Amino acid sequence: MTSYSFTEKKRIRKDFGKQRSILEVPFLLAIQVDSYREFLQENVDPAKRTDHGLHAALKSVFPIASYSGNAALEYVGYKLGEPVFDERECRQRGMSYGAPLRVTVRLVIYDRESSTKAIKYVKEQEVYLGEIPLMTENGTFIVNGTERVIVSQLHRSPGVFFDHDRGKTHSSGKLLYSARIIPYRGSWLDFEFDPKDALFTRIDRRRKLPVSILLRALGYSNEEMLAEFFEINTFHINPDEGVQLELVPERLRGETLGFDLADGDKVIVEAGKRITARHIKQLEASGIAALAVPDDYIVGRILSHDVVDASTGELLAQANDEITDEQLQAFRKAGVDAVGTCG
């Protein structure tokens, strides 16, 4: 039995170096390396690639059809070439480590004269799309000779979000409302009001544009936009009886008329008085369907649709035009029986 001195007993050393390892340390970079390998599917046969990663991204873009529908560009597959420089050379030369990406596309031309969509011409061609970065064994990318890694980031949830500036933008303290549309993929759309209640939009938080430009790009006409944002009042133009308004009492709330609003001999609202909720109830109870108004009441209003002379096809006024005395007389002369206005 080994005997220890007092000093040795206080300094006993135990060596565990020869003990068997209990837990194997995993490859901690496997998530990054395997994920990017699955994204590229570089060593997978093109016909056996699954719908994810780069293959799914390219499939989501194609086919691209022409405006007339007589031609279409279809996606066939892709392949990655060999890197021009290896990792060591990229570090020394200050280059980016990547491989050329070539995509095979198919151009299909359809016969215009055929009643069915008959194919007239097909051609396949390999197209160079650019360089795609390659990941090293250490899970890094080499960009301009410097190794960089991808850092996980938080992303805003897709959806529509509404907010206001809490009255801090304008000196009057007026609340300016805004909305933001965040899609799963693509550009963010911001909508915001200015102090004059004009509506603007921003694409990817860039330059402010009138929202009408975006709506026109989406295919909306002036008439459709006005109908979407405004209540449309209909005025009947009669050469003998003057102008009559199709009455919707609620739309008159808060207005101050320059003439008496009457039901037969009974005056409901005198000229110069503001129309209140009590007047609205009286108008609804009276059942008045049309209200005779002077020409001044319609002059200055904005047309909600184009006005065309039915006999000649001449365009008398366009949607979003302000009605003038001359236009009103032209409507009467052309026999236009009704026009719509925004409010």
Protein backbone atom coordinates (compact mmCIF):
# COMPACT_ATOMS: atom_id res chain seq x y z
CA MET A 1 0.00 0.00 0.00
CA THR A 2 1.35 3.37 -1.08
CA SER A 3 1.92 5.81 1.71
CA TYR A 4 1.68 9.56 1.11
CA SER A 5 3.24 12.35 3.04
CA PHE A 6 1.14 15.21 4.41
CA THR A 7 2.11 17.45 1.47
CA GLU A 8 1.43 14.74 -1.12
CA LYS A 9 -2.01 14.06 0.32
CA LYS A 10 -3.04 17.68 -0.27
CA ARG A 11 -1.77 17.61 -3.87
CA ILE A 12 -3.16 14.35 -5.16
CA ARG A 13 -3.60 14.44 -8.97
CA LYS A 14 -6.11 12.24 -10.77
CA ASP A 15 -5.73 11.64 -14.51
CA PHE A 16 -8.90 10.97 -16.55
CA GLY A 17 -7.13 11.18 -19.93
CA LYS A 18 -7.36 7.44 -20.53
CA GLN A 19 -11.08 7.26 -19.85
CA ARG A 20 -13.33 6.37 -22.81
CA SER A 21 -15.21 9.35 -24.34
CA ILE A 22 -18.85 9.29 -23.24
CA LEU A 23 -20.30 11.82 -25.76
CA GLU A 24 -19.06 12.32 -29.31
CA VAL A 25 -18.93 15.99 -30.32
CA PRO A 26 -21.12 16.42 -33.44
CA PHE A 27 -20.11 18.41 -36.52
CA LEU A 28 -21.46 21.77 -35.43
CA LEU A 29 -21.44 23.25 -38.94
CA ALA A 30 -23.59 20.47 -40.38
CA ILE A 31 -26.74 22.63 -40.41
CA GLN A 32 -25.17 25.29 -42.63
CA VAL A 33 -23.21 22.94 -44.90
CA ASP A 34 -26.00 20.40 -45.41
CA SER A 35 -28.62 23.11 -45.90
CA TYR A 36 -26.66 24.80 -48.69
CA ARG A 37 -25.86 21.45 -50.29
CA GLU A 38 -29.58 20.64 -50.40
CA PHE A 39 -30.27 24.11 -51.80
CA LEU A 40 -27.89 23.62 -54.75
CA GLN A 41 -28.51 19.85 -55.33
CA GLU A 42 -25.25 19.99 -57.28
CA ASN A 43 -24.52 16.27 -57.39
CA VAL A 44 -28.14 15.22 -58.02
CA ASP A 45 -29.23 14.18 -61.50
CA PRO A 46 -31.34 17.01 -63.04
CA ALA A 47 -34.24 14.62 -63.66
CA LYS A 48 -34.25 13.52 -60.00
CA ARG A 49 -34.05 16.93 -58.32
CA THR A 50 -36.77 17.63 -55.79
CA ASP A 51 -38.89 20.81 -55.75
CA HIS A 52 -36.94 22.86 -53.25
CA GLY A 53 -33.99 25.19 -53.20
CA LEU A 54 -32.61 26.67 -56.40
CA HIS A 55 -34.60 24.26 -58.56
CA ALA A 56 -37.91 25.35 -56.98
CA ALA A 57 -36.97 29.04 -57.28
CA LEU A 58 -36.34 28.73 -61.02
CA LYS A 59 -39.52 26.70 -61.54
CA SER A 60 -41.58 29.38 -59.81
CA VAL A 61 -40.42 32.00 -62.35
CA PHE A 62 -41.06 29.96 -65.49
CA PRO A 63 -42.84 29.63 -67.86
CA ILE A 64 -42.66 33.22 -69.11
CA ALA A 65 -45.33 33.88 -71.75
CA SER A 66 -45.40 36.73 -74.25
CA TYR A 67 -48.09 39.40 -74.07
CA SER A 68 -49.86 37.94 -77.13
CA GLY A 69 -49.57 34.38 -75.84
CA ASN A 70 -47.89 33.18 -79.04
CA ALA A 71 -44.56 32.39 -77.38
CA ALA A 72 -43.46 30.93 -74.08
CA LEU A 73 -40.09 30.36 -72.42
CA GLU A 74 -40.02 27.17 -70.32
CA TYR A 75 -37.50 26.01 -67.72
CA VAL A 76 -35.82 22.64 -68.32
CA GLY A 77 -32.98 22.40 -65.82
CA TYR A 78 -29.70 23.86 -64.62
CA LYS A 79 -26.13 22.83 -64.01
CA LEU A 80 -23.18 24.27 -62.12
CA GLY A 81 -19.80 24.55 -63.81
CA GLU A 82 -16.36 24.22 -62.26
CA PRO A 83 -15.02 27.19 -60.27
CA VAL A 84 -12.47 29.29 -62.15
CA PHE A 85 -10.31 29.62 -59.00
CA ASP A 86 -10.11 27.34 -55.99
CA GLU A 87 -10.48 28.53 -52.40
CA ARG A 88 -6.78 29.28 -51.88
CA GLU A 89 -6.48 31.28 -55.10
CA CYS A 90 -9.62 33.28 -54.30
CA ARG A 91 -8.12 34.30 -50.95
CA GLN A 92 -4.82 35.29 -52.56
CA ARG A 93 -6.31 37.14 -55.55
CA GLY A 94 -9.13 38.85 -53.65
CA MET A 95 -11.75 37.03 -55.74
CA SER A 96 -15.15 35.57 -54.87
CA TYR A 97 -15.43 31.80 -54.71
CA GLY A 98 -18.26 30.65 -56.95
CA ALA A 99 -19.30 28.57 -59.92
CA PRO A 100 -21.00 29.53 -63.21
CA LEU A 101 -24.74 28.80 -63.28
CA ARG A 102 -26.12 27.71 -66.64
CA VAL A 103 -29.84 27.16 -67.16
CA THR A 104 -31.39 25.19 -70.00
CA VAL A 105 -34.54 26.88 -71.30
CA ARG A 106 -36.98 25.91 -74.02
CA LEU A 107 -38.54 28.45 -76.40
CA VAL A 108 -41.98 27.36 -77.65
CA ILE A 109 -43.63 29.22 -80.55
CA TYR A 110 -47.35 28.59 -81.11
CA ASP A 111 -49.17 28.78 -84.43
CA ARG A 112 -51.13 32.04 -84.56
CA GLU A 113 -53.53 30.85 -87.24
CA SER A 114 -54.51 27.63 -85.45
CA SER A 115 -57.75 27.58 -83.46
CA THR A 116 -56.10 25.30 -80.91
CA LYS A 117 -52.77 26.01 -79.25
CA ALA A 118 -50.69 24.08 -81.77
CA ILE A 119 -46.91 24.17 -81.38
CA LYS A 120 -45.13 25.59 -84.42
CA TYR A 121 -41.49 25.71 -83.30
CA VAL A 122 -39.44 24.50 -80.33
CA LYS A 123 -35.83 25.30 -79.49
CA GLU A 124 -33.73 24.50 -76.42
CA GLN A 125 -30.66 26.48 -75.42
CA GLU A 126 -28.30 26.74 -72.48
CA VAL A 127 -28.13 30.24 -71.02
CA TYR A 128 -25.46 31.60 -68.67
CA LEU A 129 -27.19 33.33 -65.74
CA GLY A 130 -24.17 34.37 -63.69
CA GLU A 131 -21.98 33.19 -60.82
CA ILE A 132 -23.47 31.49 -57.78
CA PRO A 133 -21.44 31.48 -54.52
CA LEU A 134 -20.09 28.16 -53.26
CA MET A 135 -19.72 27.26 -49.60
CA THR A 136 -16.43 26.00 -48.22
CA GLU A 137 -16.11 22.96 -45.97
CA ASN A 138 -16.05 25.32 -42.99
CA GLY A 139 -19.49 26.75 -43.82
CA THR A 140 -18.14 30.08 -45.07
CA PHE A 141 -18.31 32.02 -48.34
CA ILE A 142 -15.31 33.78 -49.88
CA VAL A 143 -16.30 37.26 -51.06
CA ASN A 144 -13.57 39.42 -52.60
CA GLY A 145 -10.94 37.31 -50.88
CA THR A 146 -12.52 37.54 -47.42
CA GLU A 147 -14.32 34.68 -45.69
CA ARG A 148 -17.82 35.57 -44.59
CA VAL A 149 -20.61 33.67 -42.87
CA ILE A 150 -24.39 33.92 -43.02
CA VAL A 151 -25.96 35.31 -39.86
CA SER A 152 -29.54 34.40 -39.01
CA GLN A 153 -31.89 37.38 -38.93
CA LEU A 154 -35.40 38.04 -37.71
CA HIS A 155 -37.97 38.66 -40.43
CA ARG A 156 -41.25 40.52 -40.16
CA SER A 157 -44.28 38.26 -40.41
CA PRO A 158 -46.12 38.54 -43.74
CA GLY A 159 -49.43 40.38 -43.59
CA VAL A 160 -51.01 43.84 -43.54
CA PHE A 161 -50.09 46.27 -40.75
CA PHE A 162 -51.80 49.58 -39.94
CA ASP A 163 -50.27 52.43 -37.97
CA HIS A 164 -50.24 56.21 -37.52
CA ASP A 165 -47.62 58.81 -36.63
CA ARG A 166 -49.24 59.75 -33.28
CA GLY A 167 -49.53 63.33 -34.51
CA LYS A 168 -45.77 63.96 -34.49
CA THR A 169 -45.28 64.63 -38.21
CA HIS A 170 -47.46 67.69 -38.78
CA SER A 171 -47.51 70.79 -36.60
CA SER A 172 -51.31 70.62 -36.31
CA GLY A 173 -51.09 67.26 -34.52
CA LYS A 174 -53.27 65.60 -37.16
CA LEU A 175 -53.01 61.80 -37.18
CA LEU A 176 -51.50 60.61 -40.48
CA TYR A 177 -52.42 56.97 -41.06
CA SER A 178 -50.33 54.45 -42.97
CA ALA A 179 -50.44 50.79 -43.96
CA ARG A 180 -47.76 48.30 -44.91
CA ILE A 181 -48.20 45.11 -46.95
CA ILE A 182 -45.47 42.53 -46.34
CA PRO A 183 -45.71 39.56 -48.75
CA TYR A 184 -44.14 36.13 -48.37
CA ARG A 185 -41.95 37.02 -51.35
CA GLY A 186 -41.38 40.26 -53.23
CA SER A 187 -41.44 43.97 -52.57
CA TRP A 188 -42.99 45.67 -49.55
CA LEU A 189 -45.77 48.14 -50.26
CA ASP A 190 -46.35 51.16 -48.02
CA PHE A 191 -49.43 53.39 -48.20
CA GLU A 192 -49.54 56.72 -46.40
CA PHE A 193 -51.64 59.88 -46.21
CA ASP A 194 -50.23 63.39 -46.27
CA PRO A 195 -51.70 66.32 -44.27
CA LYS A 196 -54.04 67.11 -47.19
CA ASP A 197 -55.45 63.54 -47.13
CA ALA A 198 -53.80 62.63 -50.45
CA LEU A 199 -52.83 58.96 -50.62
CA PHE A 200 -49.31 57.93 -51.65
CA THR A 201 -47.41 54.66 -51.95
CA ARG A 202 -43.81 53.51 -51.61
CA ILE A 203 -42.28 50.36 -53.09
CA ASP A 204 -39.55 48.90 -50.86
CA ARG A 205 -39.53 52.15 -48.85
CA ARG A 206 -38.22 54.15 -51.79
CA ARG A 207 -39.51 57.30 -53.49
CA LYS A 208 -43.07 58.36 -52.70
CA LEU A 209 -45.53 57.99 -55.61
CA PRO A 210 -49.22 58.86 -56.00
CA VAL A 211 -51.23 55.70 -55.40
CA SER A 212 -53.00 56.21 -58.75
CA ILE A 213 -49.75 55.27 -60.55
CA LEU A 214 -49.71 51.89 -58.79
CA LEU A 215 -53.40 51.29 -59.49
CA ARG A 216 -52.97 52.14 -63.18
CA ALA A 217 -50.05 49.70 -63.34
CA LEU A 218 -52.39 47.04 -61.92
CA GLY A 219 -54.87 47.74 -64.73
CA TYR A 220 -57.37 50.05 -63.02
CA SER A 221 -58.99 52.75 -65.14
CA ASN A 222 -59.92 56.22 -63.86
CA GLU A 223 -63.58 55.18 -63.65
CA GLU A 224 -62.78 52.07 -61.58
CA MET A 225 -60.55 54.04 -59.20
CA LEU A 226 -63.16 56.75 -58.65
CA ALA A 227 -65.88 54.15 -58.07
CA GLU A 228 -63.65 52.40 -55.52
CA PHE A 229 -62.84 55.47 -53.42
CA PHE A 230 -65.91 57.70 -53.80
CA GLU A 231 -69.67 57.47 -53.52
CA ILE A 232 -71.18 58.08 -56.94
CA ASN A 233 -74.11 60.50 -57.22
CA THR A 234 -76.27 60.33 -60.34
CA PHE A 235 -77.67 63.49 -61.91
CA HIS A 236 -80.38 63.34 -64.57
CA ILE A 237 -80.18 66.15 -67.12
CA ASN A 238 -83.53 67.13 -68.61
CA PRO A 239 -83.69 70.04 -71.08
CA ASP A 240 -87.17 70.97 -69.81
CA GLU A 241 -87.03 70.17 -66.08
CA GLY A 242 -83.39 71.08 -65.40
CA VAL A 243 -81.12 68.85 -63.32
CA GLN A 244 -82.40 66.24 -60.89
CA LEU A 245 -80.35 64.39 -58.28
CA GLU A 246 -81.11 60.75 -57.41
CA LEU A 247 -81.53 61.36 -53.70
CA VAL A 248 -79.61 59.34 -51.12
CA PRO A 249 -80.36 61.37 -47.95
CA GLU A 250 -77.38 60.16 -45.92
CA ARG A 251 -74.93 61.60 -48.47
CA LEU A 252 -76.27 65.12 -47.84
CA ARG A 253 -75.34 65.08 -44.15
CA GLY A 254 -73.26 68.14 -43.26
CA GLU A 255 -73.88 69.98 -46.55
CA THR A 256 -75.07 73.57 -46.75
CA LEU A 257 -77.37 74.06 -49.74
CA GLY A 258 -77.86 77.34 -51.56
CA PHE A 259 -81.54 76.59 -52.14
CA ASP A 260 -84.55 75.36 -50.16
CA LEU A 261 -84.89 71.62 -49.87
CA ALA A 262 -88.63 70.96 -49.90
CA ASP A 263 -91.15 68.14 -50.08
CA GLY A 264 -93.91 69.72 -52.13
CA ASP A 265 -94.88 72.90 -50.29
CA LYS A 266 -93.18 71.82 -47.06
CA VAL A 267 -89.66 73.18 -46.66
CA ILE A 268 -87.46 70.64 -44.86
CA VAL A 269 -84.18 72.57 -44.98
CA GLU A 270 -83.97 76.27 -45.67
CA ALA A 271 -81.28 77.68 -47.96
CA GLY A 272 -78.00 78.39 -46.16
CA LYS A 273 -78.62 75.95 -43.28
CA ARG A 274 -76.53 72.88 -42.60
CA ILE A 275 -78.25 69.52 -43.10
CA THR A 276 -78.32 67.62 -39.80
CA ALA A 277 -79.26 64.09 -38.74
CA ARG A 278 -82.81 65.30 -38.00
CA HIS A 279 -83.16 66.57 -41.58
CA ILE A 280 -81.88 63.24 -42.90
CA LYS A 281 -84.60 61.38 -41.01
CA GLN A 282 -87.25 63.73 -42.41
CA LEU A 283 -85.98 63.18 -45.96
CA GLU A 284 -86.00 59.42 -45.49
CA ALA A 285 -89.54 59.55 -44.10
CA SER A 286 -90.74 61.72 -47.00
CA GLY A 287 -89.70 59.10 -49.57
CA ILE A 288 -88.34 61.66 -52.04
CA ALA A 289 -86.57 59.76 -54.86
CA ALA A 290 -85.30 62.71 -56.91
CA LEU A 291 -84.40 66.26 -55.98
CA ALA A 292 -84.50 69.15 -58.44
CA VAL A 293 -81.28 71.18 -58.14
CA PRO A 294 -80.00 74.29 -59.93
CA ASP A 295 -77.16 74.10 -62.44
CA ASP A 296 -74.77 75.66 -59.91
CA TYR A 297 -75.12 72.56 -57.73
CA ILE A 298 -73.60 70.25 -60.36
CA VAL A 299 -71.05 72.67 -61.83
CA GLY A 300 -67.62 72.11 -60.25
CA ARG A 301 -68.24 68.45 -59.39
CA ILE A 302 -65.92 65.70 -60.67
CA LEU A 303 -67.19 63.24 -63.28
CA SER A 304 -66.98 59.59 -62.29
CA HIS A 305 -67.04 58.27 -65.88
CA ASP A 306 -66.53 59.33 -69.47
CA VAL A 307 -69.42 61.16 -71.11
CA VAL A 308 -69.94 60.27 -74.78
CA ASP A 309 -72.33 61.64 -77.39
CA ALA A 310 -74.42 58.57 -78.23
CA SER A 311 -75.23 59.77 -81.76
CA THR A 312 -71.72 60.70 -82.92
CA GLY A 313 -69.49 58.78 -80.50
CA GLU A 314 -67.66 62.00 -79.61
CA LEU A 315 -66.03 62.12 -76.18
CA LEU A 316 -67.57 65.13 -74.44
CA ALA A 317 -65.74 64.80 -71.13
CA GLN A 318 -63.44 62.33 -69.40
CA ALA A 319 -63.67 60.73 -66.00
CA ASN A 320 -61.99 62.90 -63.32
CA ASP A 321 -62.82 66.10 -65.26
CA GLU A 322 -64.46 69.01 -63.44
CA ILE A 323 -67.89 69.89 -64.85
CA THR A 324 -68.07 73.42 -66.27
CA ASP A 325 -71.02 75.49 -67.51
CA GLU A 326 -69.90 74.89 -71.11
CA GLN A 327 -69.75 71.12 -70.60
CA LEU A 328 -73.20 71.08 -68.98
CA GLN A 329 -74.65 72.89 -71.99
CA ALA A 330 -72.85 70.43 -74.29
CA PHE A 331 -74.41 67.51 -72.37
CA ARG A 332 -77.88 69.00 -72.86
CA LYS A 333 -77.25 69.65 -76.55
CA ALA A 334 -76.03 66.08 -77.09
CA GLY A 335 -79.05 64.62 -75.28
CA VAL A 336 -77.07 63.11 -72.40
CA ASP A 337 -79.72 61.99 -69.92
CA ALA A 338 -77.55 61.20 -66.88
CA VAL A 339 -74.04 61.70 -65.53
CA GLY A 340 -72.29 60.40 -62.41
CA THR A 341 -70.17 62.50 -60.09
CA CYS A 342 -67.85 61.76 -57.18
CA GLY A 343 -69.82 62.98 -54.19
